[in-house]
Every structure is written in C-alpha cells, then in structure tokens.
C-alpha cells in the first residue's frame, strides 16, 4: 500500500482546433482536474509541445506528454524541448516517454519498427541522456544507439527535478520505470499490430504489473506515482446490464484494443480502466484500488470528463 499520496487527475483532448482544445482544457480545469496531457501520434491529433505550451499559457493546469514515442525524436532535442516548456510554463511540465508500439506510424514515417528489445534499449539510452541534459552540465554519452559529445543543454528546467513518466505494459519497461521514473503509467501491453490487449484490462493484470514494479525497485516503491488510464465511465444503477451491453459492442467501444482472448462481463466490471456503477460504487471501487495497488494518478479520456467529475469530487 502506498499510504497517503494525494490523488490527482488528468485528461486530454482529441480536438484539432485551438478553440476546441482550449474549451476542453478550460472545462477540465473548472471541474477540478489537475493536469492536461497530450499523446504523441502521427494521426488525428495536434503535436504535443506546441499544444501544451498553449494550454500552459491559458490555464493553470500542469501539462505533460502521455507519452512521447522515443523513436520520433533524438533525445537531446527532446530534452531541450522539455526543459524549454518547463521554463515557459513556470515549472508545470512533466515528461512522459514510451518505447513506441504502433507499427503503422513507423511505416508512415519510414522508420523501421524494430524488435521490442531494440526499441526498449533505445528508450533506456534516451532516459539516461535526458537526465544528463536536465542536469545542465557538460556531458558525453557513447551508447549503442546515441552518441553525445561534450554537450551542455540549455535551458535547465525550472523544476529542480522535472518529473519523468515512463509508460507501458511489458515487464522490461516496467522494470526500467521502477528504477528511473517518477511516474509510471501502467498500461495493457500491446499486441503485434499495435493495439492494446483487452484481456489485460482486469485488476488482476494490473496487480501483476504492480508486483513487477515493487520487485524491480523495492527501495523506490514508495517514491513512485502510479498512473492508469480510464477509457470509459458508465454511471448506472445496474452495473451488470451496462457491462453486458458494453460487451456486446466491445469492438466499437474499444477501438484502440485488440480482443486477444475471451472477455466476460465480469472482466469488464472488474476493470479499473472501464468503470460501471453509481457514483458511490465507482468511488468505492477506486478507493479500494488505491489501497490495494497504490494507483493515485488517474487519466480520464475526454468524453468521460463530465461523468467522472462527481466521482473525482468524492475521491478528493
């Protein structure tokens, strides 16, 4: 158990206009959300860094990437962008990184989609380089994938320790996150085609991943902030009927997932990422989840922001 770490709540936007993104950010802020994050994809979303700068300029929210695809940028340029955004946002930025998991995006960009081990090893090198760059001192780095020669990064971040999030669902990445990250975004692992595995939406799957974190870095466990994503919220007085209806439409409801095995109504009702029930029932479910797993940072998809708000109020 993680004790008394304060809960916090993030959301995002998939709008493609300035007015649209700002409207959703202002709504989230008015409802009490803490952080606005942007994902990193080559399709149908705005680019992370300029979007987050506008959000930081026009709201009081913290801002972050959730998460950048490591293979899309050289780590020195990524570190410079991150430190610059932290300075310009008065220390409200958190940097989220991942190894990349969607082959179609790599194909669009003409980037080889290497084996998971190679993508992971590149990410591990990037984490080391980013941390060295944030220190603001001259450094060199000679890795298998990246080389740096007597480089001093400017500017230094405004925060004395710019928070680093690592996100993913595989054992290697979770072990790296346990050792290096401040925030760990625990996700269902991706299948070969880049879609997330629906069979890993259960609380049991989350608990297995938490056990990996704890085993990998027992001395750091209490320092880690654990994040999960909430993909859908259904406020209802009949959980089982709502779950059955959702299951019947699973392919349409969960377009970012692959149905990689049997999924039952009980699996959906057990999931910490798909919430069904009254406000009281969902609040109790998330309170228990926090006690059992240590999860304290919840990312809520934008179409659920209003439905989740009364639950968030009770959790605060």
C-alpha atoms as a PDB file:
ATOM      1  CA  UNK A   1       0.000   0.000   0.000  1.00  0.00           C
ATOM      2  CA  UNK A   2       1.171   3.490  -0.791  1.00  0.00           C
ATOM      3  CA  UNK A   3      -0.248   5.346   2.164  1.00  0.00           C
ATOM      4  CA  UNK A   4      -1.362   8.930   1.818  1.00  0.00           C
ATOM      5  CA  UNK A   5      -0.154  10.015  -1.620  1.00  0.00           C
ATOM      6  CA  UNK A   6      -2.567  12.641  -2.874  1.00  0.00           C
ATOM      7  CA  UNK A   7      -4.819  11.598  -5.718  1.00  0.00           C
ATOM      8  CA  UNK A   8      -4.641  13.630  -8.879  1.00  0.00           C
ATOM      9  CA  UNK A   9      -6.488  13.574 -12.157  1.00  0.00           C
ATOM     10  CA  UNK A  10      -5.543  14.250 -15.766  1.00  0.00           C
ATOM     11  CA  UNK A  11      -7.347  14.454 -19.062  1.00  0.00           C
ATOM     12  CA  UNK A  12      -6.580  15.241 -22.686  1.00  0.00           C
ATOM     13  CA  UNK A  13      -8.271  16.407 -25.874  1.00  0.00           C
ATOM     14  CA  UNK A  14      -8.575  14.976 -29.354  1.00  0.00           C
ATOM     15  CA  UNK A  15      -9.820  18.241 -30.834  1.00  0.00           C
ATOM     16  CA  UNK A  16      -7.936  19.584 -33.851  1.00  0.00           C
ATOM     17  CA  UNK A  17      -8.522  23.324 -33.400  1.00  0.00           C
ATOM     18  CA  UNK A  18      -7.207  25.861 -30.909  1.00  0.00           C
ATOM     19  CA  UNK A  19     -10.715  26.745 -29.733  1.00  0.00           C
ATOM     20  CA  UNK A  20     -11.698  23.102 -29.382  1.00  0.00           C
ATOM     21  CA  UNK A  21      -8.679  22.082 -27.316  1.00  0.00           C
ATOM     22  CA  UNK A  22      -8.872  25.177 -25.128  1.00  0.00           C
ATOM     23  CA  UNK A  23     -12.580  24.633 -24.482  1.00  0.00           C
ATOM     24  CA  UNK A  24     -11.931  21.092 -23.239  1.00  0.00           C
ATOM     25  CA  UNK A  25      -8.976  22.211 -21.134  1.00  0.00           C
ATOM     26  CA  UNK A  26     -10.984  25.040 -19.545  1.00  0.00           C
ATOM     27  CA  UNK A  27     -13.838  22.623 -18.817  1.00  0.00           C
ATOM     28  CA  UNK A  28     -11.454  20.156 -17.174  1.00  0.00           C
ATOM     29  CA  UNK A  29      -9.895  22.902 -15.066  1.00  0.00           C
ATOM     30  CA  UNK A  30     -13.323  24.167 -13.958  1.00  0.00           C
ATOM     31  CA  UNK A  31     -14.283  20.639 -12.881  1.00  0.00           C
ATOM     32  CA  UNK A  32     -11.153  20.245 -10.766  1.00  0.00           C
ATOM     33  CA  UNK A  33      -8.770  18.231 -12.937  1.00  0.00           C
ATOM     34  CA  UNK A  34      -5.083  18.820 -12.192  1.00  0.00           C
ATOM     35  CA  UNK A  35      -3.192  18.036 -15.391  1.00  0.00           C
ATOM     36  CA  UNK A  36      -3.644  18.266 -19.149  1.00  0.00           C
ATOM     37  CA  UNK A  37      -1.696  15.738 -21.219  1.00  0.00           C
ATOM     38  CA  UNK A  38      -1.181  15.124 -24.928  1.00  0.00           C
ATOM     39  CA  UNK A  39      -0.369  11.846 -26.647  1.00  0.00           C
ATOM     40  CA  UNK A  40       2.150  11.516 -29.471  1.00  0.00           C
ATOM     41  CA  UNK A  41       0.761  10.080 -32.681  1.00  0.00           C
ATOM     42  CA  UNK A  42       1.128  10.853 -36.365  1.00  0.00           C
ATOM     43  CA  UNK A  43      -2.614  10.707 -36.961  1.00  0.00           C
ATOM     44  CA  UNK A  44      -5.551  12.902 -35.941  1.00  0.00           C
ATOM     45  CA  UNK A  45      -4.136  14.829 -33.017  1.00  0.00           C
ATOM     46  CA  UNK A  46      -2.197  18.039 -32.509  1.00  0.00           C
ATOM     47  CA  UNK A  47       1.560  17.941 -31.899  1.00  0.00           C
ATOM     48  CA  UNK A  48       2.379  17.692 -28.181  1.00  0.00           C
ATOM     49  CA  UNK A  49       4.815  20.522 -27.411  1.00  0.00           C
ATOM     50  CA  UNK A  50       3.081  23.489 -29.088  1.00  0.00           C
ATOM     51  CA  UNK A  51      -0.310  22.293 -27.819  1.00  0.00           C
ATOM     52  CA  UNK A  52       0.938  22.044 -24.252  1.00  0.00           C
ATOM     53  CA  UNK A  53       2.521  25.496 -24.445  1.00  0.00           C
ATOM     54  CA  UNK A  54      -0.859  26.996 -25.360  1.00  0.00           C
ATOM     55  CA  UNK A  55      -2.515  25.051 -22.523  1.00  0.00           C
ATOM     56  CA  UNK A  56       0.098  26.273 -20.037  1.00  0.00           C
ATOM     57  CA  UNK A  57      -0.352  29.858 -21.236  1.00  0.00           C
ATOM     58  CA  UNK A  58      -4.141  29.862 -20.962  1.00  0.00           C
ATOM     59  CA  UNK A  59      -4.846  27.603 -17.967  1.00  0.00           C
ATOM     60  CA  UNK A  60      -3.381  26.942 -14.536  1.00  0.00           C
ATOM     61  CA  UNK A  61      -3.154  23.198 -15.186  1.00  0.00           C
ATOM     62  CA  UNK A  62       0.017  21.165 -15.080  1.00  0.00           C
ATOM     63  CA  UNK A  63       0.860  19.854 -18.538  1.00  0.00           C
ATOM     64  CA  UNK A  64       2.543  16.705 -19.758  1.00  0.00           C
ATOM     65  CA  UNK A  65       3.178  14.213 -22.528  1.00  0.00           C
ATOM     66  CA  UNK A  66       1.479  10.848 -22.170  1.00  0.00           C
ATOM     67  CA  UNK A  67       3.623   9.625 -23.757  1.00  0.00           C
ATOM     68  CA  UNK A  68       6.149  10.642 -26.423  1.00  0.00           C
ATOM     69  CA  UNK A  69       7.282   7.941 -28.827  1.00  0.00           C
ATOM     70  CA  UNK A  70      11.014   7.796 -28.212  1.00  0.00           C
ATOM     71  CA  UNK A  71      11.869   6.846 -31.793  1.00  0.00           C
ATOM     72  CA  UNK A  72      10.315  10.018 -33.237  1.00  0.00           C
ATOM     73  CA  UNK A  73      12.962  12.374 -31.754  1.00  0.00           C
ATOM     74  CA  UNK A  74      16.617  12.499 -30.825  1.00  0.00           C
ATOM     75  CA  UNK A  75      16.850  12.583 -27.012  1.00  0.00           C
ATOM     76  CA  UNK A  76      18.875  15.822 -26.975  1.00  0.00           C
ATOM     77  CA  UNK A  77      16.195  17.664 -28.940  1.00  0.00           C
ATOM     78  CA  UNK A  78      13.504  16.094 -26.793  1.00  0.00           C
ATOM     79  CA  UNK A  79      15.294  17.202 -23.613  1.00  0.00           C
ATOM     80  CA  UNK A  80      15.687  20.747 -24.942  1.00  0.00           C
ATOM     81  CA  UNK A  81      12.000  20.984 -25.866  1.00  0.00           C
ATOM     82  CA  UNK A  82      11.015  19.585 -22.465  1.00  0.00           C
ATOM     83  CA  UNK A  83      13.251  21.952 -20.498  1.00  0.00           C
ATOM     84  CA  UNK A  84      12.080  24.926 -22.579  1.00  0.00           C
ATOM     85  CA  UNK A  85       8.433  24.074 -21.969  1.00  0.00           C
ATOM     86  CA  UNK A  86       9.132  23.681 -18.259  1.00  0.00           C
ATOM     87  CA  UNK A  87      10.715  27.156 -18.161  1.00  0.00           C
ATOM     88  CA  UNK A  88       7.911  28.777 -20.177  1.00  0.00           C
ATOM     89  CA  UNK A  89       5.207  27.095 -18.079  1.00  0.00           C
ATOM     90  CA  UNK A  90       6.829  28.173 -14.793  1.00  0.00           C
ATOM     91  CA  UNK A  91       7.663  24.612 -13.799  1.00  0.00           C
ATOM     92  CA  UNK A  92       4.386  22.871 -14.665  1.00  0.00           C
ATOM     93  CA  UNK A  93       5.628  20.285 -17.153  1.00  0.00           C
ATOM     94  CA  UNK A  94       6.112  16.527 -16.786  1.00  0.00           C
ATOM     95  CA  UNK A  95       7.809  14.490 -19.496  1.00  0.00           C
ATOM     96  CA  UNK A  96       6.301  11.134 -20.409  1.00  0.00           C
ATOM     97  CA  UNK A  97       8.223   8.710 -22.633  1.00  0.00           C
ATOM     98  CA  UNK A  98       7.470   5.340 -24.187  1.00  0.00           C
ATOM     99  CA  UNK A  99       9.236   2.899 -26.487  1.00  0.00           C
ATOM    100  CA  UNK A 100       6.672   3.153 -29.311  1.00  0.00           C
ATOM    101  CA  UNK A 101       4.209   0.390 -30.091  1.00  0.00           C
ATOM    102  CA  UNK A 102       2.209   1.097 -33.261  1.00  0.00           C
ATOM    103  CA  UNK A 103       3.781  -0.296 -36.471  1.00  0.00           C
ATOM    104  CA  UNK A 104       1.544   1.755 -38.848  1.00  0.00           C
ATOM    105  CA  UNK A 105       3.001   5.017 -37.527  1.00  0.00           C
ATOM    106  CA  UNK A 106       6.536   3.795 -38.108  1.00  0.00           C
ATOM    107  CA  UNK A 107       5.563   2.806 -41.646  1.00  0.00           C
ATOM    108  CA  UNK A 108       4.110   6.282 -42.281  1.00  0.00           C
ATOM    109  CA  UNK A 109       7.392   7.880 -41.233  1.00  0.00           C
ATOM    110  CA  UNK A 110       9.661   5.355 -42.926  1.00  0.00           C
ATOM    111  CA  UNK A 111      11.158   4.357 -39.578  1.00  0.00           C
ATOM    112  CA  UNK A 112      11.979   0.665 -39.092  1.00  0.00           C
ATOM    113  CA  UNK A 113       9.764  -0.929 -36.447  1.00  0.00           C
ATOM    114  CA  UNK A 114      12.494  -2.895 -34.708  1.00  0.00           C
ATOM    115  CA  UNK A 115      12.016  -5.725 -32.245  1.00  0.00           C
ATOM    116  CA  UNK A 116      10.741  -4.796 -28.813  1.00  0.00           C
ATOM    117  CA  UNK A 117      14.156  -5.360 -27.250  1.00  0.00           C
ATOM    118  CA  UNK A 118      15.803  -2.799 -29.580  1.00  0.00           C
ATOM    119  CA  UNK A 119      13.084  -0.200 -29.043  1.00  0.00           C
ATOM    120  CA  UNK A 120      13.392  -0.735 -25.314  1.00  0.00           C
ATOM    121  CA  UNK A 121      17.189  -0.411 -25.376  1.00  0.00           C
ATOM    122  CA  UNK A 122      16.925   2.869 -27.298  1.00  0.00           C
ATOM    123  CA  UNK A 123      14.438   4.166 -24.738  1.00  0.00           C
ATOM    124  CA  UNK A 124      16.751   3.204 -21.881  1.00  0.00           C
ATOM    125  CA  UNK A 125      19.589   5.170 -23.509  1.00  0.00           C
ATOM    126  CA  UNK A 126      17.280   8.142 -24.062  1.00  0.00           C
ATOM    127  CA  UNK A 127      16.294   8.184 -20.405  1.00  0.00           C
ATOM    128  CA  UNK A 128      19.956   8.401 -19.405  1.00  0.00           C
ATOM    129  CA  UNK A 129      20.644  11.191 -21.915  1.00  0.00           C
ATOM    130  CA  UNK A 130      17.573  13.201 -20.909  1.00  0.00           C
ATOM    131  CA  UNK A 131      18.513  13.030 -17.245  1.00  0.00           C
ATOM    132  CA  UNK A 132      22.080  14.132 -18.015  1.00  0.00           C
ATOM    133  CA  UNK A 133      20.759  17.006 -20.131  1.00  0.00           C
ATOM    134  CA  UNK A 134      18.405  18.185 -17.383  1.00  0.00           C
ATOM    135  CA  UNK A 135      21.373  18.485 -15.016  1.00  0.00           C
ATOM    136  CA  UNK A 136      22.691  21.372 -17.141  1.00  0.00           C
ATOM    137  CA  UNK A 137      26.333  20.285 -17.086  1.00  0.00           C
ATOM    138  CA  UNK A 138      28.595  19.318 -19.967  1.00  0.00           C
ATOM    139  CA  UNK A 139      28.442  15.597 -20.703  1.00  0.00           C
ATOM    140  CA  UNK A 140      29.266  12.982 -23.279  1.00  0.00           C
ATOM    141  CA  UNK A 141      27.471   9.725 -23.938  1.00  0.00           C
ATOM    142  CA  UNK A 142      28.559   6.759 -26.028  1.00  0.00           C
ATOM    143  CA  UNK A 143      25.746   4.265 -26.461  1.00  0.00           C
ATOM    144  CA  UNK A 144      24.754   1.631 -28.967  1.00  0.00           C
ATOM    145  CA  UNK A 145      22.155   3.968 -30.498  1.00  0.00           C
ATOM    146  CA  UNK A 146      23.045   7.522 -29.449  1.00  0.00           C
ATOM    147  CA  UNK A 147      26.308   9.414 -29.126  1.00  0.00           C
ATOM    148  CA  UNK A 148      26.736  12.814 -27.484  1.00  0.00           C
ATOM    149  CA  UNK A 149      29.956  14.844 -27.495  1.00  0.00           C
ATOM    150  CA  UNK A 150      30.701  17.466 -24.817  1.00  0.00           C
ATOM    151  CA  UNK A 151      27.205  18.866 -24.831  1.00  0.00           C
ATOM    152  CA  UNK A 152      25.684  21.288 -22.329  1.00  0.00           C
ATOM    153  CA  UNK A 153      21.908  21.576 -22.512  1.00  0.00           C
ATOM    154  CA  UNK A 154      20.228  24.957 -22.249  1.00  0.00           C
ATOM    155  CA  UNK A 155      17.985  25.916 -20.631  1.00  0.00           C
ATOM    156  CA  UNK A 156      17.868  23.991 -17.372  1.00  0.00           C
ATOM    157  CA  UNK A 157      14.327  23.032 -16.334  1.00  0.00           C
ATOM    158  CA  UNK A 158      12.545  25.391 -13.953  1.00  0.00           C
ATOM    159  CA  UNK A 159      11.793  22.495 -11.607  1.00  0.00           C
ATOM    160  CA  UNK A 160      14.701  21.184  -9.588  1.00  0.00           C
ATOM    161  CA  UNK A 161      13.553  17.714 -10.696  1.00  0.00           C
ATOM    162  CA  UNK A 162      11.438  17.689 -13.825  1.00  0.00           C
ATOM    163  CA  UNK A 163       9.102  14.681 -13.334  1.00  0.00           C
ATOM    164  CA  UNK A 164       9.721  11.790 -15.711  1.00  0.00           C
ATOM    165  CA  UNK A 165       6.919   9.402 -16.614  1.00  0.00           C
ATOM    166  CA  UNK A 166       7.567   6.092 -18.337  1.00  0.00           C
ATOM    167  CA  UNK A 167       4.555   4.301 -19.773  1.00  0.00           C
ATOM    168  CA  UNK A 168       3.975   0.753 -20.951  1.00  0.00           C
ATOM    169  CA  UNK A 169       2.781  -2.693 -20.061  1.00  0.00           C
ATOM    170  CA  UNK A 170       5.728  -5.036 -20.577  1.00  0.00           C
ATOM    171  CA  UNK A 171       7.962  -6.424 -17.848  1.00  0.00           C
ATOM    172  CA  UNK A 172      11.170  -4.836 -19.175  1.00  0.00           C
ATOM    173  CA  UNK A 173       9.663  -1.388 -19.452  1.00  0.00           C
ATOM    174  CA  UNK A 174       8.025  -1.594 -16.034  1.00  0.00           C
ATOM    175  CA  UNK A 175      11.362  -2.609 -14.514  1.00  0.00           C
ATOM    176  CA  UNK A 176      13.080   0.354 -16.174  1.00  0.00           C
ATOM    177  CA  UNK A 177      10.328   2.662 -14.923  1.00  0.00           C
ATOM    178  CA  UNK A 178      10.680   1.339 -11.390  1.00  0.00           C
ATOM    179  CA  UNK A 179      14.372   2.224 -11.444  1.00  0.00           C
ATOM    180  CA  UNK A 180      14.293   5.542 -13.330  1.00  0.00           C
ATOM    181  CA  UNK A 181      10.855   7.192 -13.409  1.00  0.00           C
ATOM    182  CA  UNK A 182       8.979   9.441 -11.025  1.00  0.00           C
ATOM    183  CA  UNK A 183       5.632   8.423 -12.535  1.00  0.00           C
ATOM    184  CA  UNK A 184       4.773   5.028 -14.023  1.00  0.00           C
ATOM    185  CA  UNK A 185       1.829   4.815 -16.425  1.00  0.00           C
ATOM    186  CA  UNK A 186       0.754   1.171 -16.265  1.00  0.00           C
ATOM    187  CA  UNK A 187      -0.997   0.102 -19.462  1.00  0.00           C
ATOM    188  CA  UNK A 188      -2.259  -3.113 -21.024  1.00  0.00           C
ATOM    189  CA  UNK A 189       0.545  -4.488 -23.184  1.00  0.00           C
ATOM    190  CA  UNK A 190       0.282  -4.004 -26.941  1.00  0.00           C
ATOM    191  CA  UNK A 191      -0.335  -6.830 -29.366  1.00  0.00           C
ATOM    192  CA  UNK A 192       1.711  -7.347 -32.561  1.00  0.00           C
ATOM    193  CA  UNK A 193      -0.427  -4.920 -34.577  1.00  0.00           C
ATOM    194  CA  UNK A 194      -0.052  -2.087 -32.068  1.00  0.00           C
ATOM    195  CA  UNK A 195      -3.454  -2.366 -30.386  1.00  0.00           C
ATOM    196  CA  UNK A 196      -3.689  -2.869 -26.626  1.00  0.00           C
ATOM    197  CA  UNK A 197      -4.668  -6.283 -25.289  1.00  0.00           C
ATOM    198  CA  UNK A 198      -8.250  -6.337 -23.958  1.00  0.00           C
ATOM    199  CA  UNK A 199      -7.503  -9.349 -21.746  1.00  0.00           C
ATOM    200  CA  UNK A 200      -5.171  -7.106 -19.709  1.00  0.00           C
ATOM    201  CA  UNK A 201      -7.902  -4.685 -18.641  1.00  0.00           C
ATOM    202  CA  UNK A 202      -8.565  -6.546 -15.381  1.00  0.00           C
ATOM    203  CA  UNK A 203      -7.497  -5.656 -11.873  1.00  0.00           C
ATOM    204  CA  UNK A 204      -5.585  -8.939 -11.673  1.00  0.00           C
ATOM    205  CA  UNK A 205      -3.483  -7.876 -14.654  1.00  0.00           C
ATOM    206  CA  UNK A 206      -2.819  -4.502 -13.040  1.00  0.00           C
ATOM    207  CA  UNK A 207      -1.801  -6.169  -9.779  1.00  0.00           C
ATOM    208  CA  UNK A 208       0.663  -8.389 -11.656  1.00  0.00           C
ATOM    209  CA  UNK A 209       2.277  -5.301 -13.172  1.00  0.00           C
ATOM    210  CA  UNK A 210       2.394  -3.563  -9.788  1.00  0.00           C
ATOM    211  CA  UNK A 211       4.184  -6.632  -8.418  1.00  0.00           C
ATOM    212  CA  UNK A 212       6.796  -6.239 -11.177  1.00  0.00           C
ATOM    213  CA  UNK A 213       7.342  -2.608 -10.136  1.00  0.00           C
ATOM    214  CA  UNK A 214       7.706  -3.484  -6.475  1.00  0.00           C
ATOM    215  CA  UNK A 215      10.083  -6.360  -7.144  1.00  0.00           C
ATOM    216  CA  UNK A 216      12.227  -4.320  -9.538  1.00  0.00           C
ATOM    217  CA  UNK A 217      12.883  -1.449  -7.141  1.00  0.00           C
ATOM    218  CA  UNK A 218      11.654  -2.170  -3.605  1.00  0.00           C
ATOM    219  CA  UNK A 219      13.589   0.774  -2.176  1.00  0.00           C
ATOM    220  CA  UNK A 220      11.921   3.239  -4.568  1.00  0.00           C
ATOM    221  CA  UNK A 221       8.376   1.867  -4.447  1.00  0.00           C
ATOM    222  CA  UNK A 222       7.054   4.491  -2.044  1.00  0.00           C
ATOM    223  CA  UNK A 223       8.518   7.269  -4.226  1.00  0.00           C
ATOM    224  CA  UNK A 224       6.668   6.200  -7.377  1.00  0.00           C
ATOM    225  CA  UNK A 225       3.424   7.779  -8.531  1.00  0.00           C
ATOM    226  CA  UNK A 226       1.383   5.133 -10.369  1.00  0.00           C
ATOM    227  CA  UNK A 227      -0.904   6.181 -13.208  1.00  0.00           C
ATOM    228  CA  UNK A 228      -3.610   4.315 -15.092  1.00  0.00           C
ATOM    229  CA  UNK A 229      -5.916   5.435 -17.895  1.00  0.00           C
ATOM    230  CA  UNK A 230      -9.698   5.351 -17.600  1.00  0.00           C
ATOM    231  CA  UNK A 231     -11.052   4.658 -21.072  1.00  0.00           C
ATOM    232  CA  UNK A 232     -14.763   4.783 -20.267  1.00  0.00           C
ATOM    233  CA  UNK A 233     -17.195   5.635 -17.461  1.00  0.00           C
ATOM    234  CA  UNK A 234     -20.799   4.441 -17.341  1.00  0.00           C
ATOM    235  CA  UNK A 235     -22.796   5.840 -14.425  1.00  0.00           C
ATOM    236  CA  UNK A 236     -25.706   3.442 -13.897  1.00  0.00           C
ATOM    237  CA  UNK A 237     -27.778   1.760 -11.223  1.00  0.00           C
ATOM    238  CA  UNK A 238     -27.433  -1.610 -12.993  1.00  0.00           C
ATOM    239  CA  UNK A 239     -23.754  -2.442 -13.426  1.00  0.00           C
ATOM    240  CA  UNK A 240     -24.281  -5.893 -14.864  1.00  0.00           C
ATOM    241  CA  UNK A 241     -26.756  -4.803 -17.521  1.00  0.00           C
ATOM    242  CA  UNK A 242     -24.470  -1.934 -18.525  1.00  0.00           C
ATOM    243  CA  UNK A 243     -21.495  -4.305 -18.662  1.00  0.00           C
ATOM    244  CA  UNK A 244     -23.405  -6.776 -20.830  1.00  0.00           C
ATOM    245  CA  UNK A 245     -24.407  -4.020 -23.242  1.00  0.00           C
ATOM    246  CA  UNK A 246     -20.814  -2.807 -23.387  1.00  0.00           C
ATOM    247  CA  UNK A 247     -19.516  -6.319 -24.055  1.00  0.00           C
ATOM    248  CA  UNK A 248     -21.909  -6.704 -26.981  1.00  0.00           C
ATOM    249  CA  UNK A 249     -20.393  -3.587 -28.551  1.00  0.00           C
ATOM    250  CA  UNK A 250     -16.815  -4.156 -27.422  1.00  0.00           C
ATOM    251  CA  UNK A 251     -15.151  -3.773 -30.826  1.00  0.00           C
ATOM    252  CA  UNK A 252     -16.865  -0.427 -31.398  1.00  0.00           C
ATOM    253  CA  UNK A 253     -16.411   0.835 -27.840  1.00  0.00           C
ATOM    254  CA  UNK A 254     -12.715  -0.051 -27.572  1.00  0.00           C
ATOM    255  CA  UNK A 255     -11.272   0.780 -30.952  1.00  0.00           C
ATOM    256  CA  UNK A 256      -7.725   1.071 -29.571  1.00  0.00           C
ATOM    257  CA  UNK A 257      -7.835  -2.517 -28.250  1.00  0.00           C
ATOM    258  CA  UNK A 258      -7.490  -5.924 -29.822  1.00  0.00           C
ATOM    259  CA  UNK A 259      -9.811  -8.592 -28.422  1.00  0.00           C
ATOM    260  CA  UNK A 260      -6.963 -11.047 -27.887  1.00  0.00           C
ATOM    261  CA  UNK A 261      -8.888 -13.663 -25.927  1.00  0.00           C
ATOM    262  CA  UNK A 262     -12.140 -14.314 -24.087  1.00  0.00           C
ATOM    263  CA  UNK A 263     -13.537 -11.250 -22.308  1.00  0.00           C
ATOM    264  CA  UNK A 264     -16.535 -11.610 -19.994  1.00  0.00           C
ATOM    265  CA  UNK A 265     -18.935  -9.210 -18.325  1.00  0.00           C
ATOM    266  CA  UNK A 266     -17.170  -9.930 -15.033  1.00  0.00           C
ATOM    267  CA  UNK A 267     -13.853  -8.935 -16.627  1.00  0.00           C
ATOM    268  CA  UNK A 268     -15.337  -5.582 -17.642  1.00  0.00           C
ATOM    269  CA  UNK A 269     -16.921  -4.978 -14.240  1.00  0.00           C
ATOM    270  CA  UNK A 270     -13.606  -5.832 -12.573  1.00  0.00           C
ATOM    271  CA  UNK A 271     -11.586  -3.478 -14.772  1.00  0.00           C
ATOM    272  CA  UNK A 272     -10.061  -0.354 -13.194  1.00  0.00           C
ATOM    273  CA  UNK A 273      -9.995   1.197 -16.689  1.00  0.00           C
ATOM    274  CA  UNK A 274     -13.695   0.735 -17.521  1.00  0.00           C
ATOM    275  CA  UNK A 275     -15.960   1.976 -14.742  1.00  0.00           C
ATOM    276  CA  UNK A 276     -19.593   0.916 -14.271  1.00  0.00           C
ATOM    277  CA  UNK A 277     -21.973   1.738 -11.430  1.00  0.00           C
ATOM    278  CA  UNK A 278     -23.365   4.509  -9.328  1.00  0.00           C
ATOM    279  CA  UNK A 279     -21.125   7.379  -8.244  1.00  0.00           C
ATOM    280  CA  UNK A 280     -20.825   5.731  -4.827  1.00  0.00           C
ATOM    281  CA  UNK A 281     -19.970   2.308  -6.275  1.00  0.00           C
ATOM    282  CA  UNK A 282     -17.288   3.667  -8.594  1.00  0.00           C
ATOM    283  CA  UNK A 283     -15.840   5.835  -5.815  1.00  0.00           C
ATOM    284  CA  UNK A 284     -15.574   2.809  -3.523  1.00  0.00           C
ATOM    285  CA  UNK A 285     -14.018   0.741  -6.325  1.00  0.00           C
ATOM    286  CA  UNK A 286     -11.294   3.330  -6.918  1.00  0.00           C
ATOM    287  CA  UNK A 287     -10.657   3.840  -3.199  1.00  0.00           C
ATOM    288  CA  UNK A 288     -10.113   0.094  -2.840  1.00  0.00           C
ATOM    289  CA  UNK A 289      -7.929   0.078  -5.950  1.00  0.00           C
ATOM    290  CA  UNK A 290      -5.717   2.731  -4.425  1.00  0.00           C
ATOM    291  CA  UNK A 291      -5.386   0.783  -1.183  1.00  0.00           C
ATOM    292  CA  UNK A 292      -4.563  -2.475  -2.952  1.00  0.00           C
ATOM    293  CA  UNK A 293      -2.331  -1.260  -5.791  1.00  0.00           C
ATOM    294  CA  UNK A 294      -1.065   2.221  -4.890  1.00  0.00           C
ATOM    295  CA  UNK A 295      -2.600   3.816  -8.002  1.00  0.00           C
ATOM    296  CA  UNK A 296      -3.048   7.525  -7.278  1.00  0.00           C
ATOM    297  CA  UNK A 297      -2.931   9.288 -10.668  1.00  0.00           C
ATOM    298  CA  UNK A 298      -5.928   8.742 -12.936  1.00  0.00           C
ATOM    299  CA  UNK A 299      -6.010   9.814 -16.586  1.00  0.00           C
ATOM    300  CA  UNK A 300      -9.580  10.231 -17.828  1.00  0.00           C
ATOM    301  CA  UNK A 301     -10.487  10.214 -21.522  1.00  0.00           C
ATOM    302  CA  UNK A 302     -12.159  13.470 -22.607  1.00  0.00           C
ATOM    303  CA  UNK A 303     -15.604  12.024 -23.366  1.00  0.00           C
ATOM    304  CA  UNK A 304     -15.766  10.893 -19.704  1.00  0.00           C
ATOM    305  CA  UNK A 305     -14.662  14.166 -18.081  1.00  0.00           C
ATOM    306  CA  UNK A 306     -18.130  15.296 -17.016  1.00  0.00           C
ATOM    307  CA  UNK A 307     -19.351  11.847 -15.935  1.00  0.00           C
ATOM    308  CA  UNK A 308     -16.246  11.321 -13.829  1.00  0.00           C
ATOM    309  CA  UNK A 309     -16.352  14.757 -12.146  1.00  0.00           C
ATOM    310  CA  UNK A 310     -18.683  13.825  -9.225  1.00  0.00           C
ATOM    311  CA  UNK A 311     -16.582  10.709  -8.610  1.00  0.00           C
ATOM    312  CA  UNK A 312     -13.447  12.849  -8.566  1.00  0.00           C
ATOM    313  CA  UNK A 313     -15.082  15.209  -6.081  1.00  0.00           C
ATOM    314  CA  UNK A 314     -15.721  12.330  -3.675  1.00  0.00           C
ATOM    315  CA  UNK A 315     -12.215  10.946  -4.091  1.00  0.00           C
ATOM    316  CA  UNK A 316     -10.586  14.300  -3.285  1.00  0.00           C
END
